[in-house]
Every structure is written in C-alpha cells, then in structure tokens.
Amino acid sequence: MANSAQARKRARQAVKARAHNASLRSRLRTAIKAVRKAIVNGDKAAAQEVYRSSTSVIDSIADKKIIHKNKAARHKSRLSAAVKAMA
C-alpha cells in the first residue's frame, strides 16, 4: 500500500488510467472483430467500408500509445489483405 500522499494519489490516478485504457483496448478489439465479421459475411463493399472506419480507430489508439504503432500497422495490414482476398 502507498505510504505517502503523493503515492496514494498516483495509485488513484493509475486506477482511472487503467480503466480508460481498458475501454480503448475494448474499442480496438470491437473494431477488428467488426471487419472480420464483415469478411465472413462475404460482402466486399461492406467489408471495405467497415475496414475504412476501423482503420481510424486503430490509428487513434496507437497514437495514444495504448498499443504500439507496429502492432497497429500489423492489424491494418492483415485486415486489408483479408478484405482484398475476398472473391
């Protein structure tokens, strides 16, 4: 347990930050799942549209350093390849 006032405050702030970051990570996962779902449904136009919107979500979360920029690029690359591979 934190002993000083400063440490107690940092612990409170860490709890808030962790909750906020968890919600952003959840948004990221939801965006990725939405693209995968659109790909499984087989509608290429819809998949491209969902991919376009999820790309901005992925980028914004990488900008906030919730995930590393290379991980964001990897997700976008794999999703893009999957959309392009649709018949």
PDB file of N, CA and C in Angstrom:
ATOM      1  N   MET A   1       0.848  -1.187   0.000  1.00  0.00           N
ATOM      2  CA  MET A   1       0.000   0.000   0.000  1.00  0.00           C
ATOM      3  C   MET A   1       0.888   1.243   0.000  1.00  0.00           C
ATOM      4  N   ALA A   2       0.391   2.273  -0.654  1.00  0.00           N
ATOM      5  CA  ALA A   2       1.135   3.533  -0.754  1.00  0.00           C
ATOM      6  C   ALA A   2       1.190   4.218   0.610  1.00  0.00           C
ATOM      7  N   ASN A   3       2.370   4.744   0.935  1.00  0.00           N
ATOM      8  CA  ASN A   3       2.557   5.366   2.252  1.00  0.00           C
ATOM      9  C   ASN A   3       2.446   6.878   2.225  1.00  0.00           C
ATOM     10  N   SER A   4       2.943   7.505   1.163  1.00  0.00           N
ATOM     11  CA  SER A   4       2.904   8.965   1.125  1.00  0.00           C
ATOM     12  C   SER A   4       1.650   9.440   0.393  1.00  0.00           C
ATOM     13  N   ALA A   5       1.322  10.705   0.601  1.00  0.00           N
ATOM     14  CA  ALA A   5       0.157  11.288  -0.063  1.00  0.00           C
ATOM     15  C   ALA A   5       0.341  11.250  -1.578  1.00  0.00           C
ATOM     16  N   GLN A   6       1.558  11.522  -2.007  1.00  0.00           N
ATOM     17  CA  GLN A   6       1.848  11.513  -3.442  1.00  0.00           C
ATOM     18  C   GLN A   6       1.627  10.111  -4.026  1.00  0.00           C
ATOM     19  N   ALA A   7       2.078   9.090  -3.327  1.00  0.00           N
ATOM     20  CA  ALA A   7       1.934   7.714  -3.802  1.00  0.00           C
ATOM     21  C   ALA A   7       0.469   7.291  -3.816  1.00  0.00           C
ATOM     22  N   ARG A   8      -0.283   7.732  -2.803  1.00  0.00           N
ATOM     23  CA  ARG A   8      -1.722   7.420  -2.780  1.00  0.00           C
ATOM     24  C   ARG A   8      -2.428   8.053  -3.973  1.00  0.00           C
ATOM     25  N   LYS A   9      -2.078   9.310  -4.268  1.00  0.00           N
ATOM     26  CA  LYS A   9      -2.684   9.996  -5.418  1.00  0.00           C
ATOM     27  C   LYS A   9      -2.314   9.292  -6.723  1.00  0.00           C
ATOM     28  N   ARG A  10      -1.061   8.902  -6.876  1.00  0.00           N
ATOM     29  CA  ARG A  10      -0.634   8.194  -8.095  1.00  0.00           C
ATOM     30  C   ARG A  10      -1.386   6.872  -8.243  1.00  0.00           C
ATOM     31  N   ALA A  11      -1.648   6.210  -7.115  1.00  0.00           N
ATOM     32  CA  ALA A  11      -2.395   4.951  -7.160  1.00  0.00           C
ATOM     33  C   ALA A  11      -3.828   5.198  -7.625  1.00  0.00           C
ATOM     34  N   ARG A  12      -4.442   6.287  -7.127  1.00  0.00           N
ATOM     35  CA  ARG A  12      -5.798   6.639  -7.584  1.00  0.00           C
ATOM     36  C   ARG A  12      -5.798   6.937  -9.069  1.00  0.00           C
ATOM     37  N   GLN A  13      -4.810   7.717  -9.524  1.00  0.00           N
ATOM     38  CA  GLN A  13      -4.734   8.082 -10.937  1.00  0.00           C
ATOM     39  C   GLN A  13      -4.506   6.852 -11.808  1.00  0.00           C
ATOM     40  N   ALA A  14      -3.710   5.915 -11.313  1.00  0.00           N
ATOM     41  CA  ALA A  14      -3.412   4.705 -12.077  1.00  0.00           C
ATOM     42  C   ALA A  14      -4.675   3.874 -12.287  1.00  0.00           C
ATOM     43  N   VAL A  15      -5.539   3.835 -11.278  1.00  0.00           N
ATOM     44  CA  VAL A  15      -6.795   3.088 -11.409  1.00  0.00           C
ATOM     45  C   VAL A  15      -7.664   3.708 -12.503  1.00  0.00           C
ATOM     46  N   LYS A  16      -7.768   5.034 -12.507  1.00  0.00           N
ATOM     47  CA  LYS A  16      -8.553   5.728 -13.538  1.00  0.00           C
ATOM     48  C   LYS A  16      -7.971   5.502 -14.929  1.00  0.00           C
ATOM     49  N   ALA A  17      -6.647   5.637 -15.032  1.00  0.00           N
ATOM     50  CA  ALA A  17      -5.986   5.480 -16.329  1.00  0.00           C
ATOM     51  C   ALA A  17      -6.152   4.057 -16.845  1.00  0.00           C
ATOM     52  N   ARG A  18      -6.054   3.087 -15.959  1.00  0.00           N
ATOM     53  CA  ARG A  18      -6.190   1.689 -16.358  1.00  0.00           C
ATOM     54  C   ARG A  18      -7.591   1.425 -16.894  1.00  0.00           C
ATOM     55  N   ALA A  19      -8.616   1.973 -16.244  1.00  0.00           N
ATOM     56  CA  ALA A  19      -9.990   1.794 -16.709  1.00  0.00           C
ATOM     57  C   ALA A  19     -10.183   2.441 -18.082  1.00  0.00           C
ATOM     58  N   HIS A  20      -9.615   3.621 -18.268  1.00  0.00           N
ATOM     59  CA  HIS A  20      -9.741   4.325 -19.548  1.00  0.00           C
ATOM     60  C   HIS A  20      -9.038   3.558 -20.658  1.00  0.00           C
ATOM     61  N   ASN A  21      -7.815   3.088 -20.377  1.00  0.00           N
ATOM     62  CA  ASN A  21      -7.066   2.329 -21.372  1.00  0.00           C
ATOM     63  C   ASN A  21      -7.768   1.019 -21.707  1.00  0.00           C
ATOM     64  N   ALA A  22      -8.394   0.385 -20.721  1.00  0.00           N
ATOM     65  CA  ALA A  22      -9.115  -0.863 -20.969  1.00  0.00           C
ATOM     66  C   ALA A  22     -10.289  -0.625 -21.906  1.00  0.00           C
ATOM     67  N   SER A  23     -10.983   0.501 -21.739  1.00  0.00           N
ATOM     68  CA  SER A  23     -12.116   0.794 -22.621  1.00  0.00           C
ATOM     69  C   SER A  23     -11.632   1.063 -24.046  1.00  0.00           C
ATOM     70  N   LEU A  24     -10.486   1.715 -24.189  1.00  0.00           N
ATOM     71  CA  LEU A  24      -9.931   1.957 -25.518  1.00  0.00           C
ATOM     72  C   LEU A  24      -9.495   0.650 -26.180  1.00  0.00           C
ATOM     73  N   ARG A  25      -8.876  -0.240 -25.404  1.00  0.00           N
ATOM     74  CA  ARG A  25      -8.480  -1.549 -25.943  1.00  0.00           C
ATOM     75  C   ARG A  25      -9.707  -2.337 -26.387  1.00  0.00           C
ATOM     76  N   SER A  26     -10.781  -2.211 -25.631  1.00  0.00           N
ATOM     77  CA  SER A  26     -12.031  -2.883 -25.991  1.00  0.00           C
ATOM     78  C   SER A  26     -12.567  -2.337 -27.315  1.00  0.00           C
ATOM     79  N   ARG A  27     -12.491  -1.011 -27.494  1.00  0.00           N
ATOM     80  CA  ARG A  27     -12.914  -0.392 -28.762  1.00  0.00           C
ATOM     81  C   ARG A  27     -12.096  -0.935 -29.926  1.00  0.00           C
ATOM     82  N   LEU A  28     -10.798  -1.095 -29.696  1.00  0.00           N
ATOM     83  CA  LEU A  28      -9.907  -1.637 -30.723  1.00  0.00           C
ATOM     84  C   LEU A  28     -10.336  -3.037 -31.119  1.00  0.00           C
ATOM     85  N   ARG A  29     -10.536  -3.895 -30.133  1.00  0.00           N
ATOM     86  CA  ARG A  29     -10.910  -5.280 -30.409  1.00  0.00           C
ATOM     87  C   ARG A  29     -12.263  -5.345 -31.122  1.00  0.00           C
ATOM     88  N   THR A  30     -13.192  -4.496 -30.731  1.00  0.00           N
ATOM     89  CA  THR A  30     -14.504  -4.469 -31.365  1.00  0.00           C
ATOM     90  C   THR A  30     -14.383  -4.063 -32.828  1.00  0.00           C
ATOM     91  N   ALA A  31     -13.529  -3.085 -33.115  1.00  0.00           N
ATOM     92  CA  ALA A  31     -13.335  -2.637 -34.495  1.00  0.00           C
ATOM     93  C   ALA A  31     -12.755  -3.758 -35.348  1.00  0.00           C
ATOM     94  N   ILE A  32     -11.792  -4.489 -34.795  1.00  0.00           N
ATOM     95  CA  ILE A  32     -11.169  -5.588 -35.533  1.00  0.00           C
ATOM     96  C   ILE A  32     -12.185  -6.704 -35.782  1.00  0.00           C
ATOM     97  N   LYS A  33     -12.973  -7.014 -34.763  1.00  0.00           N
ATOM     98  CA  LYS A  33     -13.990  -8.061 -34.909  1.00  0.00           C
ATOM     99  C   LYS A  33     -15.037  -7.677 -35.946  1.00  0.00           C
ATOM    100  N   ALA A  34     -15.371  -6.391 -36.022  1.00  0.00           N
ATOM    101  CA  ALA A  34     -16.371  -5.936 -36.989  1.00  0.00           C
ATOM    102  C   ALA A  34     -15.893  -6.186 -38.413  1.00  0.00           C
ATOM    103  N   VAL A  35     -14.613  -5.938 -38.671  1.00  0.00           N
ATOM    104  CA  VAL A  35     -14.066  -6.177 -40.015  1.00  0.00           C
ATOM    105  C   VAL A  35     -14.073  -7.666 -40.307  1.00  0.00           C
ATOM    106  N   ARG A  36     -13.637  -8.475 -39.355  1.00  0.00           N
ATOM    107  CA  ARG A  36     -13.615  -9.930 -39.563  1.00  0.00           C
ATOM    108  C   ARG A  36     -15.012 -10.467 -39.814  1.00  0.00           C
ATOM    109  N   LYS A  37     -15.998  -9.938 -39.105  1.00  0.00           N
ATOM    110  CA  LYS A  37     -17.384 -10.373 -39.281  1.00  0.00           C
ATOM    111  C   LYS A  37     -17.875 -10.013 -40.677  1.00  0.00           C
ATOM    112  N   ALA A  38     -17.545  -8.810 -41.144  1.00  0.00           N
ATOM    113  CA  ALA A  38     -17.946  -8.384 -42.483  1.00  0.00           C
ATOM    114  C   ALA A  38     -17.293  -9.268 -43.544  1.00  0.00           C
ATOM    115  N   ILE A  39     -16.060  -9.693 -43.310  1.00  0.00           N
ATOM    116  CA  ILE A  39     -15.363 -10.570 -44.260  1.00  0.00           C
ATOM    117  C   ILE A  39     -16.052 -11.935 -44.312  1.00  0.00           C
ATOM    118  N   VAL A  40     -16.423 -12.456 -43.148  1.00  0.00           N
ATOM    119  CA  VAL A  40     -17.094 -13.763 -43.093  1.00  0.00           C
ATOM    120  C   VAL A  40     -18.446 -13.703 -43.788  1.00  0.00           C
ATOM    121  N   ASN A  41     -19.138 -12.575 -43.667  1.00  0.00           N
ATOM    122  CA  ASN A  41     -20.449 -12.436 -44.314  1.00  0.00           C
ATOM    123  C   ASN A  41     -20.338 -12.398 -45.831  1.00  0.00           C
ATOM    124  N   GLY A  42     -19.176 -12.041 -46.358  1.00  0.00           N
ATOM    125  CA  GLY A  42     -18.938 -12.144 -47.789  1.00  0.00           C
ATOM    126  C   GLY A  42     -19.257 -10.918 -48.620  1.00  0.00           C
ATOM    127  N   ASP A  43     -19.676  -9.828 -48.011  1.00  0.00           N
ATOM    128  CA  ASP A  43     -19.981  -8.608 -48.769  1.00  0.00           C
ATOM    129  C   ASP A  43     -18.732  -7.729 -48.802  1.00  0.00           C
ATOM    130  N   LYS A  44     -18.071  -7.703 -49.962  1.00  0.00           N
ATOM    131  CA  LYS A  44     -16.790  -6.998 -50.061  1.00  0.00           C
ATOM    132  C   LYS A  44     -16.945  -5.490 -49.867  1.00  0.00           C
ATOM    133  N   ALA A  45     -17.998  -4.902 -50.427  1.00  0.00           N
ATOM    134  CA  ALA A  45     -18.205  -3.451 -50.293  1.00  0.00           C
ATOM    135  C   ALA A  45     -18.397  -3.074 -48.826  1.00  0.00           C
ATOM    136  N   ALA A  46     -19.196  -3.868 -48.115  1.00  0.00           N
ATOM    137  CA  ALA A  46     -19.431  -3.594 -46.694  1.00  0.00           C
ATOM    138  C   ALA A  46     -18.142  -3.792 -45.899  1.00  0.00           C
ATOM    139  N   ALA A  47     -17.384  -4.815 -46.257  1.00  0.00           N
ATOM    140  CA  ALA A  47     -16.128  -5.080 -45.558  1.00  0.00           C
ATOM    141  C   ALA A  47     -15.148  -3.927 -45.752  1.00  0.00           C
ATOM    142  N   GLN A  48     -15.091  -3.383 -46.964  1.00  0.00           N
ATOM    143  CA  GLN A  48     -14.200  -2.252 -47.224  1.00  0.00           C
ATOM    144  C   GLN A  48     -14.612  -1.030 -46.411  1.00  0.00           C
ATOM    145  N   GLU A  49     -15.919  -0.805 -46.315  1.00  0.00           N
ATOM    146  CA  GLU A  49     -16.411   0.347 -45.558  1.00  0.00           C
ATOM    147  C   GLU A  49     -16.095   0.198 -44.068  1.00  0.00           C
ATOM    148  N   VAL A  50     -16.333  -0.998 -43.534  1.00  0.00           N
ATOM    149  CA  VAL A  50     -16.043  -1.248 -42.116  1.00  0.00           C
ATOM    150  C   VAL A  50     -14.536  -1.156 -41.872  1.00  0.00           C
ATOM    151  N   TYR A  51     -13.737  -1.654 -42.817  1.00  0.00           N
ATOM    152  CA  TYR A  51     -12.276  -1.572 -42.678  1.00  0.00           C
ATOM    153  C   TYR A  51     -11.834  -0.115 -42.616  1.00  0.00           C
ATOM    154  N   ARG A  52     -12.418   0.719 -43.475  1.00  0.00           N
ATOM    155  CA  ARG A  52     -12.046   2.136 -43.517  1.00  0.00           C
ATOM    156  C   ARG A  52     -12.333   2.806 -42.172  1.00  0.00           C
ATOM    157  N   SER A  53     -13.477   2.512 -41.592  1.00  0.00           N
ATOM    158  CA  SER A  53     -13.810   3.140 -40.309  1.00  0.00           C
ATOM    159  C   SER A  53     -12.961   2.572 -39.164  1.00  0.00           C
ATOM    160  N   SER A  54     -12.655   1.276 -39.225  1.00  0.00           N
ATOM    161  CA  SER A  54     -11.863   0.694 -38.142  1.00  0.00           C
ATOM    162  C   SER A  54     -10.405   1.125 -38.211  1.00  0.00           C
ATOM    163  N   THR A  55      -9.928   1.491 -39.388  1.00  0.00           N
ATOM    164  CA  THR A  55      -8.557   1.961 -39.525  1.00  0.00           C
ATOM    165  C   THR A  55      -8.329   3.218 -38.687  1.00  0.00           C
ATOM    166  N   SER A  56      -9.295   4.116 -38.689  1.00  0.00           N
ATOM    167  CA  SER A  56      -9.136   5.335 -37.905  1.00  0.00           C
ATOM    168  C   SER A  56      -9.141   5.027 -36.412  1.00  0.00           C
ATOM    169  N   VAL A  57      -9.938   4.040 -35.998  1.00  0.00           N
ATOM    170  CA  VAL A  57      -9.963   3.643 -34.590  1.00  0.00           C
ATOM    171  C   VAL A  57      -8.607   3.067 -34.198  1.00  0.00           C
ATOM    172  N   ILE A  58      -8.067   2.183 -35.041  1.00  0.00           N
ATOM    173  CA  ILE A  58      -6.776   1.555 -34.760  1.00  0.00           C
ATOM    174  C   ILE A  58      -5.682   2.615 -34.670  1.00  0.00           C
ATOM    175  N   ASP A  59      -5.686   3.559 -35.624  1.00  0.00           N
ATOM    176  CA  ASP A  59      -4.665   4.613 -35.620  1.00  0.00           C
ATOM    177  C   ASP A  59      -4.765   5.504 -34.387  1.00  0.00           C
ATOM    178  N   SER A  60      -5.977   5.872 -34.006  1.00  0.00           N
ATOM    179  CA  SER A  60      -6.133   6.777 -32.863  1.00  0.00           C
ATOM    180  C   SER A  60      -5.661   6.111 -31.576  1.00  0.00           C
ATOM    181  N   ILE A  61      -5.904   4.808 -31.449  1.00  0.00           N
ATOM    182  CA  ILE A  61      -5.478   4.103 -30.248  1.00  0.00           C
ATOM    183  C   ILE A  61      -3.959   3.934 -30.237  1.00  0.00           C
ATOM    184  N   ALA A  62      -3.364   3.763 -31.415  1.00  0.00           N
ATOM    185  CA  ALA A  62      -1.900   3.691 -31.488  1.00  0.00           C
ATOM    186  C   ALA A  62      -1.284   5.054 -31.170  1.00  0.00           C
ATOM    187  N   ASP A  63      -1.929   6.129 -31.612  1.00  0.00           N
ATOM    188  CA  ASP A  63      -1.429   7.481 -31.318  1.00  0.00           C
ATOM    189  C   ASP A  63      -1.415   7.754 -29.814  1.00  0.00           C
ATOM    190  N   LYS A  64      -2.379   7.164 -29.098  1.00  0.00           N
ATOM    191  CA  LYS A  64      -2.455   7.350 -27.650  1.00  0.00           C
ATOM    192  C   LYS A  64      -1.545   6.389 -26.906  1.00  0.00           C
ATOM    193  N   LYS A  65      -0.789   5.579 -27.663  1.00  0.00           N
ATOM    194  CA  LYS A  65       0.175   4.623 -27.120  1.00  0.00           C
ATOM    195  C   LYS A  65      -0.481   3.565 -26.245  1.00  0.00           C
ATOM    196  N   ILE A  66      -1.720   3.213 -26.559  1.00  0.00           N
ATOM    197  CA  ILE A  66      -2.379   2.095 -25.892  1.00  0.00           C
ATOM    198  C   ILE A  66      -1.809   0.801 -26.467  1.00  0.00           C
ATOM    199  N   ILE A  67      -1.572   0.796 -27.789  1.00  0.00           N
ATOM    200  CA  ILE A  67      -0.838  -0.289 -28.431  1.00  0.00           C
ATOM    201  C   ILE A  67       0.305   0.337 -29.215  1.00  0.00           C
ATOM    202  N   HIS A  68       1.308  -0.462 -29.532  1.00  0.00           N
ATOM    203  CA  HIS A  68       2.458   0.032 -30.279  1.00  0.00           C
ATOM    204  C   HIS A  68       2.057   0.294 -31.725  1.00  0.00           C
ATOM    205  N   LYS A  69       2.708   1.262 -32.347  1.00  0.00           N
ATOM    206  CA  LYS A  69       2.369   1.620 -33.726  1.00  0.00           C
ATOM    207  C   LYS A  69       2.611   0.462 -34.690  1.00  0.00           C
ATOM    208  N   ASN A  70       3.608  -0.371 -34.406  1.00  0.00           N
ATOM    209  CA  ASN A  70       3.856  -1.529 -35.275  1.00  0.00           C
ATOM    210  C   ASN A  70       2.744  -2.559 -35.160  1.00  0.00           C
ATOM    211  N   LYS A  71       2.196  -2.711 -33.975  1.00  0.00           N
ATOM    212  CA  LYS A  71       1.075  -3.642 -33.795  1.00  0.00           C
ATOM    213  C   LYS A  71      -0.147  -3.125 -34.546  1.00  0.00           C
ATOM    214  N   ALA A  72      -0.364  -1.824 -34.503  1.00  0.00           N
ATOM    215  CA  ALA A  72      -1.471  -1.229 -35.240  1.00  0.00           C
ATOM    216  C   ALA A  72      -1.292  -1.460 -36.737  1.00  0.00           C
ATOM    217  N   ALA A  73      -0.074  -1.255 -37.224  1.00  0.00           N
ATOM    218  CA  ALA A  73       0.219  -1.450 -38.642  1.00  0.00           C
ATOM    219  C   ALA A  73       0.006  -2.909 -39.032  1.00  0.00           C
ATOM    220  N   ARG A  74       0.396  -3.818 -38.152  1.00  0.00           N
ATOM    221  CA  ARG A  74       0.224  -5.247 -38.424  1.00  0.00           C
ATOM    222  C   ARG A  74      -1.260  -5.614 -38.531  1.00  0.00           C
ATOM    223  N   HIS A  75      -2.068  -5.104 -37.599  1.00  0.00           N
ATOM    224  CA  HIS A  75      -3.508  -5.357 -37.651  1.00  0.00           C
ATOM    225  C   HIS A  75      -4.106  -4.823 -38.958  1.00  0.00           C
ATOM    226  N   LYS A  76      -3.757  -3.578 -39.284  1.00  0.00           N
ATOM    227  CA  LYS A  76      -4.313  -2.970 -40.503  1.00  0.00           C
ATOM    228  C   LYS A  76      -3.886  -3.742 -41.740  1.00  0.00           C
ATOM    229  N   SER A  77      -2.635  -4.168 -41.786  1.00  0.00           N
ATOM    230  CA  SER A  77      -2.123  -4.898 -42.932  1.00  0.00           C
ATOM    231  C   SER A  77      -2.853  -6.225 -43.116  1.00  0.00           C
ATOM    232  N   ARG A  78      -3.029  -6.955 -42.039  1.00  0.00           N
ATOM    233  CA  ARG A  78      -3.690  -8.258 -42.119  1.00  0.00           C
ATOM    234  C   ARG A  78      -5.159  -8.120 -42.487  1.00  0.00           C
ATOM    235  N   LEU A  79      -5.825  -7.118 -41.919  1.00  0.00           N
ATOM    236  CA  LEU A  79      -7.227  -6.901 -42.255  1.00  0.00           C
ATOM    237  C   LEU A  79      -7.373  -6.477 -43.708  1.00  0.00           C
ATOM    238  N   SER A  80      -6.486  -5.595 -44.160  1.00  0.00           N
ATOM    239  CA  SER A  80      -6.518  -5.137 -45.550  1.00  0.00           C
ATOM    240  C   SER A  80      -6.313  -6.294 -46.511  1.00  0.00           C
ATOM    241  N   ALA A  81      -5.357  -7.163 -46.198  1.00  0.00           N
ATOM    242  CA  ALA A  81      -5.091  -8.325 -47.047  1.00  0.00           C
ATOM    243  C   ALA A  81      -6.291  -9.247 -47.091  1.00  0.00           C
ATOM    244  N   ALA A  82      -6.956  -9.406 -45.963  1.00  0.00           N
ATOM    245  CA  ALA A  82      -8.134 -10.276 -45.907  1.00  0.00           C
ATOM    246  C   ALA A  82      -9.288  -9.704 -46.717  1.00  0.00           C
ATOM    247  N   VAL A  83      -9.449  -8.378 -46.681  1.00  0.00           N
ATOM    248  CA  VAL A  83     -10.512  -7.736 -47.470  1.00  0.00           C
ATOM    249  C   VAL A  83     -10.200  -7.857 -48.943  1.00  0.00           C
ATOM    250  N   LYS A  84      -8.943  -7.623 -49.314  1.00  0.00           N
ATOM    251  CA  LYS A  84      -8.551  -7.712 -50.724  1.00  0.00           C
ATOM    252  C   LYS A  84      -8.676  -9.118 -51.267  1.00  0.00           C
ATOM    253  N   ALA A  85      -8.494 -10.132 -50.406  1.00  0.00           N
ATOM    254  CA  ALA A  85      -8.546 -11.528 -50.837  1.00  0.00           C
ATOM    255  C   ALA A  85      -9.961 -12.030 -51.052  1.00  0.00           C
ATOM    256  N   MET A  86     -10.954 -11.217 -50.694  1.00  0.00           N
ATOM    257  CA  MET A  86     -12.342 -11.654 -50.870  1.00  0.00           C
ATOM    258  C   MET A  86     -12.665 -11.788 -52.352  1.00  0.00           C
ATOM    259  N   ALA A  87     -13.495 -12.776 -52.655  1.00  0.00           N
ATOM    260  CA  ALA A  87     -13.840 -13.032 -54.067  1.00  0.00           C
ATOM    261  C   ALA A  87     -14.791 -11.998 -54.627  1.00  0.00           C
TER     262      ALA A  87
END
